[in-house]
Amino acid sequence: MLRPFAPLIFCTLPLSAADISGAWKLDGNIADVHINRVCILKQTGNKLSGSCKNQMNDLALTGIVDGKNISWTYDSTYEGEKVTLVFKGTLESDAAMKGSIDTQGVAGAFTATKQ
């Protein structure tokens, strides 16, 4: 008699999140500054590592993945000052995400597509 309910057993198992590893083209704005770069993300479990390339160099990043929610940070320099950029995004598909950028209380937005 358990046969009709067998498919329901699998409905309670958590779905694993997609691996977001790869190159992502990121476009965004923060405080009227346009950000256009390619970020190489490497996911290991729920941890992110990798780098984002700006006009001058590669910036090391760290972050986490929690289901469809993704966040990462990296340090950069703006007008001679060190700033930490915080990205918080949501996967819209396996190849698209969007979210917010924050640095020292200044907020902006970004979109990214997997290359």
C-alpha atoms as a PDB file:
ATOM      1  CA  MET A   1       0.000   0.000   0.000  1.00  0.00           C
ATOM      2  CA  LEU A   2       2.945   2.365   0.188  1.00  0.00           C
ATOM      3  CA  ARG A   3       3.382   2.375  -3.582  1.00  0.00           C
ATOM      4  CA  PRO A   4       1.076   5.331  -4.331  1.00  0.00           C
ATOM      5  CA  PHE A   5       3.000   7.428  -1.801  1.00  0.00           C
ATOM      6  CA  ALA A   6       6.512   6.466  -2.930  1.00  0.00           C
ATOM      7  CA  PRO A   7       6.923   9.496  -5.259  1.00  0.00           C
ATOM      8  CA  LEU A   8       5.975  11.806  -2.376  1.00  0.00           C
ATOM      9  CA  ILE A   9       8.980  10.650  -0.366  1.00  0.00           C
ATOM     10  CA  PHE A  10      11.286  12.404  -2.818  1.00  0.00           C
ATOM     11  CA  CYS A  11       9.329  15.663  -2.562  1.00  0.00           C
ATOM     12  CA  THR A  12      10.761  16.258   0.905  1.00  0.00           C
ATOM     13  CA  LEU A  13      14.396  15.922  -0.133  1.00  0.00           C
ATOM     14  CA  PRO A  14      16.180  19.263  -0.567  1.00  0.00           C
ATOM     15  CA  LEU A  15      17.149  20.190  -4.090  1.00  0.00           C
ATOM     16  CA  SER A  16      20.846  20.853  -4.545  1.00  0.00           C
ATOM     17  CA  ALA A  17      21.765  24.279  -5.811  1.00  0.00           C
ATOM     18  CA  ALA A  18      23.328  24.653  -9.219  1.00  0.00           C
ATOM     19  CA  ASP A  19      27.095  25.064  -9.307  1.00  0.00           C
ATOM     20  CA  ILE A  20      27.736  28.684 -10.292  1.00  0.00           C
ATOM     21  CA  SER A  21      31.433  28.139 -11.054  1.00  0.00           C
ATOM     22  CA  GLY A  22      32.630  29.869 -14.201  1.00  0.00           C
ATOM     23  CA  ALA A  23      33.077  33.270 -15.804  1.00  0.00           C
ATOM     24  CA  TRP A  24      30.350  35.861 -15.161  1.00  0.00           C
ATOM     25  CA  LYS A  25      30.088  39.199 -16.998  1.00  0.00           C
ATOM     26  CA  LEU A  26      29.012  41.740 -14.420  1.00  0.00           C
ATOM     27  CA  ASP A  27      27.503  45.178 -15.138  1.00  0.00           C
ATOM     28  CA  GLY A  28      26.430  47.565 -12.421  1.00  0.00           C
ATOM     29  CA  ASN A  29      26.344  51.049 -11.012  1.00  0.00           C
ATOM     30  CA  ILE A  30      27.204  52.391  -7.592  1.00  0.00           C
ATOM     31  CA  ALA A  31      27.248  56.111  -6.757  1.00  0.00           C
ATOM     32  CA  ASP A  32      27.107  56.974 -10.473  1.00  0.00           C
ATOM     33  CA  VAL A  33      30.207  54.840 -11.150  1.00  0.00           C
ATOM     34  CA  HIS A  34      29.700  52.173 -13.822  1.00  0.00           C
ATOM     35  CA  ILE A  35      31.180  48.765 -12.999  1.00  0.00           C
ATOM     36  CA  ASN A  36      31.901  46.455 -15.920  1.00  0.00           C
ATOM     37  CA  ARG A  37      34.048  43.399 -15.243  1.00  0.00           C
ATOM     38  CA  VAL A  38      34.357  39.665 -15.582  1.00  0.00           C
ATOM     39  CA  CYS A  39      34.357  37.643 -12.381  1.00  0.00           C
ATOM     40  CA  ILE A  40      35.665  34.089 -12.279  1.00  0.00           C
ATOM     41  CA  LEU A  41      33.719  32.256  -9.585  1.00  0.00           C
ATOM     42  CA  LYS A  42      34.726  28.902  -8.138  1.00  0.00           C
ATOM     43  CA  GLN A  43      32.170  27.165  -5.949  1.00  0.00           C
ATOM     44  CA  THR A  44      33.248  24.472  -3.502  1.00  0.00           C
ATOM     45  CA  GLY A  45      30.259  23.342  -1.481  1.00  0.00           C
ATOM     46  CA  ASN A  46      28.682  26.582  -0.323  1.00  0.00           C
ATOM     47  CA  LYS A  47      31.949  28.575  -0.432  1.00  0.00           C
ATOM     48  CA  LEU A  48      32.982  30.920  -3.235  1.00  0.00           C
ATOM     49  CA  SER A  49      36.465  31.956  -4.254  1.00  0.00           C
ATOM     50  CA  GLY A  50      37.893  33.481  -7.390  1.00  0.00           C
ATOM     51  CA  SER A  51      38.549  36.940  -8.754  1.00  0.00           C
ATOM     52  CA  CYS A  52      37.023  39.908 -10.544  1.00  0.00           C
ATOM     53  CA  LYS A  53      39.112  41.676 -13.163  1.00  0.00           C
ATOM     54  CA  ASN A  54      38.886  45.458 -13.278  1.00  0.00           C
ATOM     55  CA  GLN A  55      40.745  47.748 -15.691  1.00  0.00           C
ATOM     56  CA  MET A  56      44.063  47.300 -13.878  1.00  0.00           C
ATOM     57  CA  ASN A  57      44.219  43.944 -12.085  1.00  0.00           C
ATOM     58  CA  ASP A  58      42.496  40.850 -10.716  1.00  0.00           C
ATOM     59  CA  LEU A  59      40.829  41.304  -7.329  1.00  0.00           C
ATOM     60  CA  ALA A  60      40.541  38.194  -5.121  1.00  0.00           C
ATOM     61  CA  LEU A  61      37.032  37.468  -3.855  1.00  0.00           C
ATOM     62  CA  THR A  62      35.446  35.291  -1.202  1.00  0.00           C
ATOM     63  CA  GLY A  63      31.798  34.511  -0.625  1.00  0.00           C
ATOM     64  CA  ILE A  64      29.019  32.040   0.002  1.00  0.00           C
ATOM     65  CA  VAL A  65      26.148  30.383  -1.856  1.00  0.00           C
ATOM     66  CA  ASP A  66      22.908  29.670  -0.016  1.00  0.00           C
ATOM     67  CA  GLY A  67      20.421  28.123  -2.437  1.00  0.00           C
ATOM     68  CA  LYS A  68      19.697  30.850  -5.004  1.00  0.00           C
ATOM     69  CA  ASN A  69      21.270  33.551  -2.823  1.00  0.00           C
ATOM     70  CA  ILE A  70      24.876  34.455  -3.538  1.00  0.00           C
ATOM     71  CA  SER A  71      27.152  36.950  -1.833  1.00  0.00           C
ATOM     72  CA  TRP A  72      30.800  37.834  -2.225  1.00  0.00           C
ATOM     73  CA  THR A  73      33.229  40.590  -1.335  1.00  0.00           C
ATOM     74  CA  TYR A  74      36.484  41.935  -2.645  1.00  0.00           C
ATOM     75  CA  ASP A  75      38.756  44.860  -1.839  1.00  0.00           C
ATOM     76  CA  SER A  76      39.508  47.540  -4.406  1.00  0.00           C
ATOM     77  CA  THR A  77      40.891  51.066  -4.533  1.00  0.00           C
ATOM     78  CA  TYR A  78      38.830  54.094  -5.483  1.00  0.00           C
ATOM     79  CA  GLU A  79      40.443  57.535  -5.716  1.00  0.00           C
ATOM     80  CA  GLY A  80      43.381  56.279  -3.649  1.00  0.00           C
ATOM     81  CA  GLU A  81      41.217  54.826  -0.873  1.00  0.00           C
ATOM     82  CA  LYS A  82      40.750  51.135  -0.078  1.00  0.00           C
ATOM     83  CA  VAL A  83      37.098  50.079  -0.383  1.00  0.00           C
ATOM     84  CA  THR A  84      35.399  46.744   0.176  1.00  0.00           C
ATOM     85  CA  LEU A  85      32.642  45.962  -2.302  1.00  0.00           C
ATOM     86  CA  VAL A  86      29.866  43.650  -1.097  1.00  0.00           C
ATOM     87  CA  PHE A  87      27.752  41.918  -3.747  1.00  0.00           C
ATOM     88  CA  LYS A  88      24.475  40.210  -2.789  1.00  0.00           C
ATOM     89  CA  GLY A  89      22.610  38.537  -5.609  1.00  0.00           C
ATOM     90  CA  THR A  90      19.917  36.069  -6.496  1.00  0.00           C
ATOM     91  CA  LEU A  91      20.158  33.492  -9.272  1.00  0.00           C
ATOM     92  CA  GLU A  92      17.367  34.039 -11.772  1.00  0.00           C
ATOM     93  CA  SER A  93      18.496  31.042 -13.847  1.00  0.00           C
ATOM     94  CA  ASP A  94      21.639  28.929 -14.217  1.00  0.00           C
ATOM     95  CA  ALA A  95      23.125  31.741 -16.324  1.00  0.00           C
ATOM     96  CA  ALA A  96      21.728  34.990 -14.865  1.00  0.00           C
ATOM     97  CA  MET A  97      21.759  36.790 -11.544  1.00  0.00           C
ATOM     98  CA  LYS A  98      20.993  40.251 -10.247  1.00  0.00           C
ATOM     99  CA  GLY A  99      21.416  42.003  -6.968  1.00  0.00           C
ATOM    100  CA  SER A 100      22.903  44.833  -4.965  1.00  0.00           C
ATOM    101  CA  ILE A 101      26.371  46.308  -4.463  1.00  0.00           C
ATOM    102  CA  ASP A 102      27.295  48.035  -1.229  1.00  0.00           C
ATOM    103  CA  THR A 103      30.425  49.802  -0.079  1.00  0.00           C
ATOM    104  CA  GLN A 104      30.708  51.864   3.067  1.00  0.00           C
ATOM    105  CA  GLY A 105      26.983  52.660   3.108  1.00  0.00           C
ATOM    106  CA  VAL A 106      26.742  53.535  -0.593  1.00  0.00           C
ATOM    107  CA  ALA A 107      24.438  51.201  -2.512  1.00  0.00           C
ATOM    108  CA  GLY A 108      23.992  50.253  -6.143  1.00  0.00           C
ATOM    109  CA  ALA A 109      22.785  47.390  -8.312  1.00  0.00           C
ATOM    110  CA  PHE A 110      24.245  44.806 -10.697  1.00  0.00           C
ATOM    111  CA  THR A 111      23.268  42.165 -13.209  1.00  0.00           C
ATOM    112  CA  ALA A 112      25.497  39.285 -14.305  1.00  0.00           C
ATOM    113  CA  THR A 113      25.364  36.667 -17.041  1.00  0.00           C
ATOM    114  CA  LYS A 114      27.374  33.481 -17.189  1.00  0.00           C
ATOM    115  CA  GLN A 115      29.761  33.368 -20.136  1.00  0.00           C
END
